[in-house]
Amino acid sequence: MTDSQKRILEMLAENKITVDEAARLISAINNPGHTATATYEPTPSGKPLPKYLRVVVQPNTESGAEAGHEHVNIRVPIALIRAGIKLTALIPSVAADRVNEALGEKGFDLDLKKLKPEDLESLVDALSELEVDVKDKKEKVRIYLE
């Protein structure tokens, strides 16, 4: 038994984590092939899976709003998002409850304990064809996967 497995069992014995959380952690340790760097195989449609979530905000040059507006170009690797979801398994129940409560106060109905990597894969698959383009008088916003 590894040190990591022993620490997980100790946290379970001390009621710092639930049995499900302990099982997920031990599974993650025992399956090192399931890391945040997933392979990018083509989808059934033949297109490769997206690697990045992009958010681009630019001044709307058509309305002359160039002056005084910042350009924003955010490129978040999907692998980073996958890793973040896997790390939720390490959050103790008490802390997850507090985070869920704080998110609820801000209008986000999200339960960290229920996030699963396969949920992200379903979301990425569903969003792979989606592009959001918003244009107003001052700026253009574009959100998409690439």
C-alpha atoms as a PDB file:
ATOM      1  CA  MET A   1       0.000   0.000   0.000  1.00  0.00           C
ATOM      2  CA  THR A   2       1.383   3.404  -0.978  1.00  0.00           C
ATOM      3  CA  ASP A   3       1.672   6.464   1.251  1.00  0.00           C
ATOM      4  CA  SER A   4      -1.038   8.182  -0.774  1.00  0.00           C
ATOM      5  CA  GLN A   5      -3.445   5.303  -0.240  1.00  0.00           C
ATOM      6  CA  LYS A   6      -2.693   5.282   3.491  1.00  0.00           C
ATOM      7  CA  ARG A   7      -3.350   9.040   3.721  1.00  0.00           C
ATOM      8  CA  ILE A   8      -6.663   8.607   1.925  1.00  0.00           C
ATOM      9  CA  LEU A   9      -7.711   5.855   4.335  1.00  0.00           C
ATOM     10  CA  GLU A  10      -6.652   8.003   7.297  1.00  0.00           C
ATOM     11  CA  MET A  11      -8.788  10.898   6.009  1.00  0.00           C
ATOM     12  CA  LEU A  12     -11.677   8.463   5.615  1.00  0.00           C
ATOM     13  CA  ALA A  13     -11.198   7.138   9.172  1.00  0.00           C
ATOM     14  CA  GLU A  14     -11.175  10.714  10.480  1.00  0.00           C
ATOM     15  CA  ASN A  15     -14.413  11.462   8.552  1.00  0.00           C
ATOM     16  CA  LYS A  16     -12.659  14.166   6.539  1.00  0.00           C
ATOM     17  CA  ILE A  17     -13.834  12.545   3.296  1.00  0.00           C
ATOM     18  CA  THR A  18     -16.669  10.221   2.346  1.00  0.00           C
ATOM     19  CA  VAL A  19     -16.355   6.637   1.165  1.00  0.00           C
ATOM     20  CA  ASP A  20     -17.166   7.747  -2.408  1.00  0.00           C
ATOM     21  CA  GLU A  21     -14.456  10.406  -2.299  1.00  0.00           C
ATOM     22  CA  ALA A  22     -11.948   7.885  -0.959  1.00  0.00           C
ATOM     23  CA  ALA A  23     -12.857   5.437  -3.710  1.00  0.00           C
ATOM     24  CA  ARG A  24     -12.433   8.117  -6.388  1.00  0.00           C
ATOM     25  CA  LEU A  25      -9.075   9.170  -4.974  1.00  0.00           C
ATOM     26  CA  ILE A  26      -7.767   5.621  -4.764  1.00  0.00           C
ATOM     27  CA  SER A  27      -9.037   4.959  -8.279  1.00  0.00           C
ATOM     28  CA  ALA A  28      -7.236   8.069  -9.535  1.00  0.00           C
ATOM     29  CA  ILE A  29      -4.009   6.923  -7.884  1.00  0.00           C
ATOM     30  CA  ASN A  30      -4.320   3.362  -9.216  1.00  0.00           C
ATOM     31  CA  ASN A  31      -5.134   4.499 -12.776  1.00  0.00           C
ATOM     32  CA  PRO A  32      -2.340   6.919 -13.667  1.00  0.00           C
ATOM     33  CA  GLY A  33      -3.247   6.552 -17.355  1.00  0.00           C
ATOM     34  CA  HIS A  34      -6.336   8.654 -16.700  1.00  0.00           C
ATOM     35  CA  THR A  35      -4.547  11.950 -16.335  1.00  0.00           C
ATOM     36  CA  ALA A  36      -5.582  15.425 -17.358  1.00  0.00           C
ATOM     37  CA  THR A  37      -3.770  15.068 -20.664  1.00  0.00           C
ATOM     38  CA  ALA A  38      -6.309  13.098 -22.609  1.00  0.00           C
ATOM     39  CA  THR A  39      -5.714  11.840 -26.091  1.00  0.00           C
ATOM     40  CA  TYR A  40      -7.446  13.796 -28.801  1.00  0.00           C
ATOM     41  CA  GLU A  41      -9.036  11.246 -31.063  1.00  0.00           C
ATOM     42  CA  PRO A  42     -11.512  12.221 -33.747  1.00  0.00           C
ATOM     43  CA  THR A  43     -15.158  12.393 -32.770  1.00  0.00           C
ATOM     44  CA  PRO A  44     -17.724  10.206 -34.537  1.00  0.00           C
ATOM     45  CA  SER A  45     -18.242  13.094 -36.988  1.00  0.00           C
ATOM     46  CA  GLY A  46     -14.557  12.813 -37.951  1.00  0.00           C
ATOM     47  CA  LYS A  47     -13.520  16.148 -36.438  1.00  0.00           C
ATOM     48  CA  PRO A  48     -10.812  16.155 -33.766  1.00  0.00           C
ATOM     49  CA  LEU A  49     -11.876  16.975 -30.225  1.00  0.00           C
ATOM     50  CA  PRO A  50     -11.301  20.610 -29.302  1.00  0.00           C
ATOM     51  CA  LYS A  51      -8.230  21.428 -27.229  1.00  0.00           C
ATOM     52  CA  TYR A  52      -9.104  24.960 -26.082  1.00  0.00           C
ATOM     53  CA  LEU A  53     -11.972  27.095 -24.863  1.00  0.00           C
ATOM     54  CA  ARG A  54     -11.579  30.548 -26.407  1.00  0.00           C
ATOM     55  CA  VAL A  55     -13.091  33.835 -25.243  1.00  0.00           C
ATOM     56  CA  VAL A  56     -12.291  36.855 -27.397  1.00  0.00           C
ATOM     57  CA  VAL A  57     -13.504  40.395 -26.693  1.00  0.00           C
ATOM     58  CA  GLN A  58     -12.634  43.134 -29.185  1.00  0.00           C
ATOM     59  CA  PRO A  59     -13.763  46.698 -29.705  1.00  0.00           C
ATOM     60  CA  ASN A  60     -16.471  47.001 -32.353  1.00  0.00           C
ATOM     61  CA  THR A  61     -14.530  48.835 -35.044  1.00  0.00           C
ATOM     62  CA  GLU A  62     -17.705  49.323 -37.099  1.00  0.00           C
ATOM     63  CA  SER A  63     -19.016  51.773 -34.499  1.00  0.00           C
ATOM     64  CA  GLY A  64     -15.666  53.512 -33.950  1.00  0.00           C
ATOM     65  CA  ALA A  65     -15.339  52.132 -30.410  1.00  0.00           C
ATOM     66  CA  GLU A  66     -11.646  51.262 -30.808  1.00  0.00           C
ATOM     67  CA  ALA A  67     -10.342  53.978 -28.482  1.00  0.00           C
ATOM     68  CA  GLY A  68     -10.329  53.200 -24.764  1.00  0.00           C
ATOM     69  CA  HIS A  69     -11.410  49.562 -25.055  1.00  0.00           C
ATOM     70  CA  GLU A  70      -9.189  46.635 -24.235  1.00  0.00           C
ATOM     71  CA  HIS A  71      -8.716  43.543 -26.325  1.00  0.00           C
ATOM     72  CA  VAL A  72      -9.241  40.290 -24.406  1.00  0.00           C
ATOM     73  CA  ASN A  73      -8.057  36.975 -25.790  1.00  0.00           C
ATOM     74  CA  ILE A  74      -8.373  34.046 -23.387  1.00  0.00           C
ATOM     75  CA  ARG A  75      -7.374  30.527 -24.420  1.00  0.00           C
ATOM     76  CA  VAL A  76      -8.004  27.901 -21.717  1.00  0.00           C
ATOM     77  CA  PRO A  77      -6.750  24.369 -22.399  1.00  0.00           C
ATOM     78  CA  ILE A  78      -9.532  21.801 -22.062  1.00  0.00           C
ATOM     79  CA  ALA A  79      -6.940  19.588 -20.314  1.00  0.00           C
ATOM     80  CA  LEU A  80      -6.723  22.207 -17.540  1.00  0.00           C
ATOM     81  CA  ILE A  81     -10.491  22.092 -17.120  1.00  0.00           C
ATOM     82  CA  ARG A  82     -10.353  18.273 -17.030  1.00  0.00           C
ATOM     83  CA  ALA A  83      -7.669  18.432 -14.326  1.00  0.00           C
ATOM     84  CA  GLY A  84      -9.758  20.887 -12.325  1.00  0.00           C
ATOM     85  CA  ILE A  85     -12.732  18.548 -12.389  1.00  0.00           C
ATOM     86  CA  LYS A  86     -10.554  15.660 -11.233  1.00  0.00           C
ATOM     87  CA  LEU A  87      -9.177  17.794  -8.408  1.00  0.00           C
ATOM     88  CA  THR A  88     -12.692  18.311  -7.041  1.00  0.00           C
ATOM     89  CA  ALA A  89     -12.387  14.736  -5.734  1.00  0.00           C
ATOM     90  CA  LEU A  90      -9.737  16.019  -3.316  1.00  0.00           C
ATOM     91  CA  ILE A  91     -11.981  18.662  -1.758  1.00  0.00           C
ATOM     92  CA  PRO A  92     -13.224  17.523   1.667  1.00  0.00           C
ATOM     93  CA  SER A  93     -17.018  17.317   2.023  1.00  0.00           C
ATOM     94  CA  VAL A  94     -17.192  20.185   4.508  1.00  0.00           C
ATOM     95  CA  ALA A  95     -15.288  22.510   2.189  1.00  0.00           C
ATOM     96  CA  ALA A  96     -17.297  21.399  -0.859  1.00  0.00           C
ATOM     97  CA  ASP A  97     -20.533  22.152   1.017  1.00  0.00           C
ATOM     98  CA  ARG A  98     -19.288  25.657   1.819  1.00  0.00           C
ATOM     99  CA  VAL A  99     -18.220  26.263  -1.782  1.00  0.00           C
ATOM    100  CA  ASN A 100     -21.582  24.994  -3.080  1.00  0.00           C
ATOM    101  CA  GLU A 101     -23.370  27.289  -0.645  1.00  0.00           C
ATOM    102  CA  ALA A 102     -21.288  30.310  -1.698  1.00  0.00           C
ATOM    103  CA  LEU A 103     -21.899  29.522  -5.370  1.00  0.00           C
ATOM    104  CA  GLY A 104     -25.625  29.212  -4.656  1.00  0.00           C
ATOM    105  CA  GLU A 105     -25.620  32.686  -3.108  1.00  0.00           C
ATOM    106  CA  LYS A 106     -24.147  34.007  -6.364  1.00  0.00           C
ATOM    107  CA  GLY A 107     -26.804  32.251  -8.460  1.00  0.00           C
ATOM    108  CA  PHE A 108     -24.806  29.171  -9.519  1.00  0.00           C
ATOM    109  CA  ASP A 109     -26.657  25.919  -8.870  1.00  0.00           C
ATOM    110  CA  LEU A 110     -23.628  23.624  -8.838  1.00  0.00           C
ATOM    111  CA  ASP A 111     -22.665  20.662  -6.679  1.00  0.00           C
ATOM    112  CA  LEU A 112     -18.894  20.068  -6.716  1.00  0.00           C
ATOM    113  CA  LYS A 113     -19.342  16.564  -5.348  1.00  0.00           C
ATOM    114  CA  LYS A 114     -21.324  15.560  -8.432  1.00  0.00           C
ATOM    115  CA  LEU A 115     -18.830  16.787 -11.051  1.00  0.00           C
ATOM    116  CA  LYS A 116     -17.429  13.910 -13.057  1.00  0.00           C
ATOM    117  CA  PRO A 117     -14.886  13.917 -15.919  1.00  0.00           C
ATOM    118  CA  GLU A 118     -17.422  12.237 -18.209  1.00  0.00           C
ATOM    119  CA  ASP A 119     -19.773  15.197 -17.624  1.00  0.00           C
ATOM    120  CA  LEU A 120     -17.117  17.501 -19.067  1.00  0.00           C
ATOM    121  CA  GLU A 121     -16.633  15.198 -22.057  1.00  0.00           C
ATOM    122  CA  SER A 122     -20.380  15.284 -22.755  1.00  0.00           C
ATOM    123  CA  LEU A 123     -20.372  19.067 -22.468  1.00  0.00           C
ATOM    124  CA  VAL A 124     -17.335  19.449 -24.738  1.00  0.00           C
ATOM    125  CA  ASP A 125     -18.933  17.120 -27.281  1.00  0.00           C
ATOM    126  CA  ALA A 126     -22.191  19.094 -27.192  1.00  0.00           C
ATOM    127  CA  LEU A 127     -20.401  22.449 -27.448  1.00  0.00           C
ATOM    128  CA  SER A 128     -17.947  21.417 -30.166  1.00  0.00           C
ATOM    129  CA  GLU A 129     -20.235  22.813 -32.862  1.00  0.00           C
ATOM    130  CA  LEU A 130     -21.361  25.846 -30.848  1.00  0.00           C
ATOM    131  CA  GLU A 131     -20.057  29.361 -31.359  1.00  0.00           C
ATOM    132  CA  VAL A 132     -21.394  32.357 -29.469  1.00  0.00           C
ATOM    133  CA  ASP A 133     -20.967  35.711 -31.187  1.00  0.00           C
ATOM    134  CA  VAL A 134     -22.278  38.869 -29.512  1.00  0.00           C
ATOM    135  CA  LYS A 135     -21.997  42.309 -31.079  1.00  0.00           C
ATOM    136  CA  ASP A 136     -23.080  45.550 -29.478  1.00  0.00           C
ATOM    137  CA  LYS A 137     -22.153  49.184 -30.035  1.00  0.00           C
ATOM    138  CA  LYS A 138     -18.918  48.993 -28.064  1.00  0.00           C
ATOM    139  CA  GLU A 139     -17.516  45.485 -28.428  1.00  0.00           C
ATOM    140  CA  LYS A 140     -17.679  42.080 -30.062  1.00  0.00           C
ATOM    141  CA  VAL A 141     -17.556  38.944 -27.908  1.00  0.00           C
ATOM    142  CA  ARG A 142     -16.868  35.488 -29.291  1.00  0.00           C
ATOM    143  CA  ILE A 143     -16.833  32.232 -27.290  1.00  0.00           C
ATOM    144  CA  TYR A 144     -15.973  28.947 -28.971  1.00  0.00           C
ATOM    145  CA  LEU A 145     -13.990  25.712 -28.766  1.00  0.00           C
ATOM    146  CA  GLU A 146     -11.011  25.059 -31.014  1.00  0.00           C
END
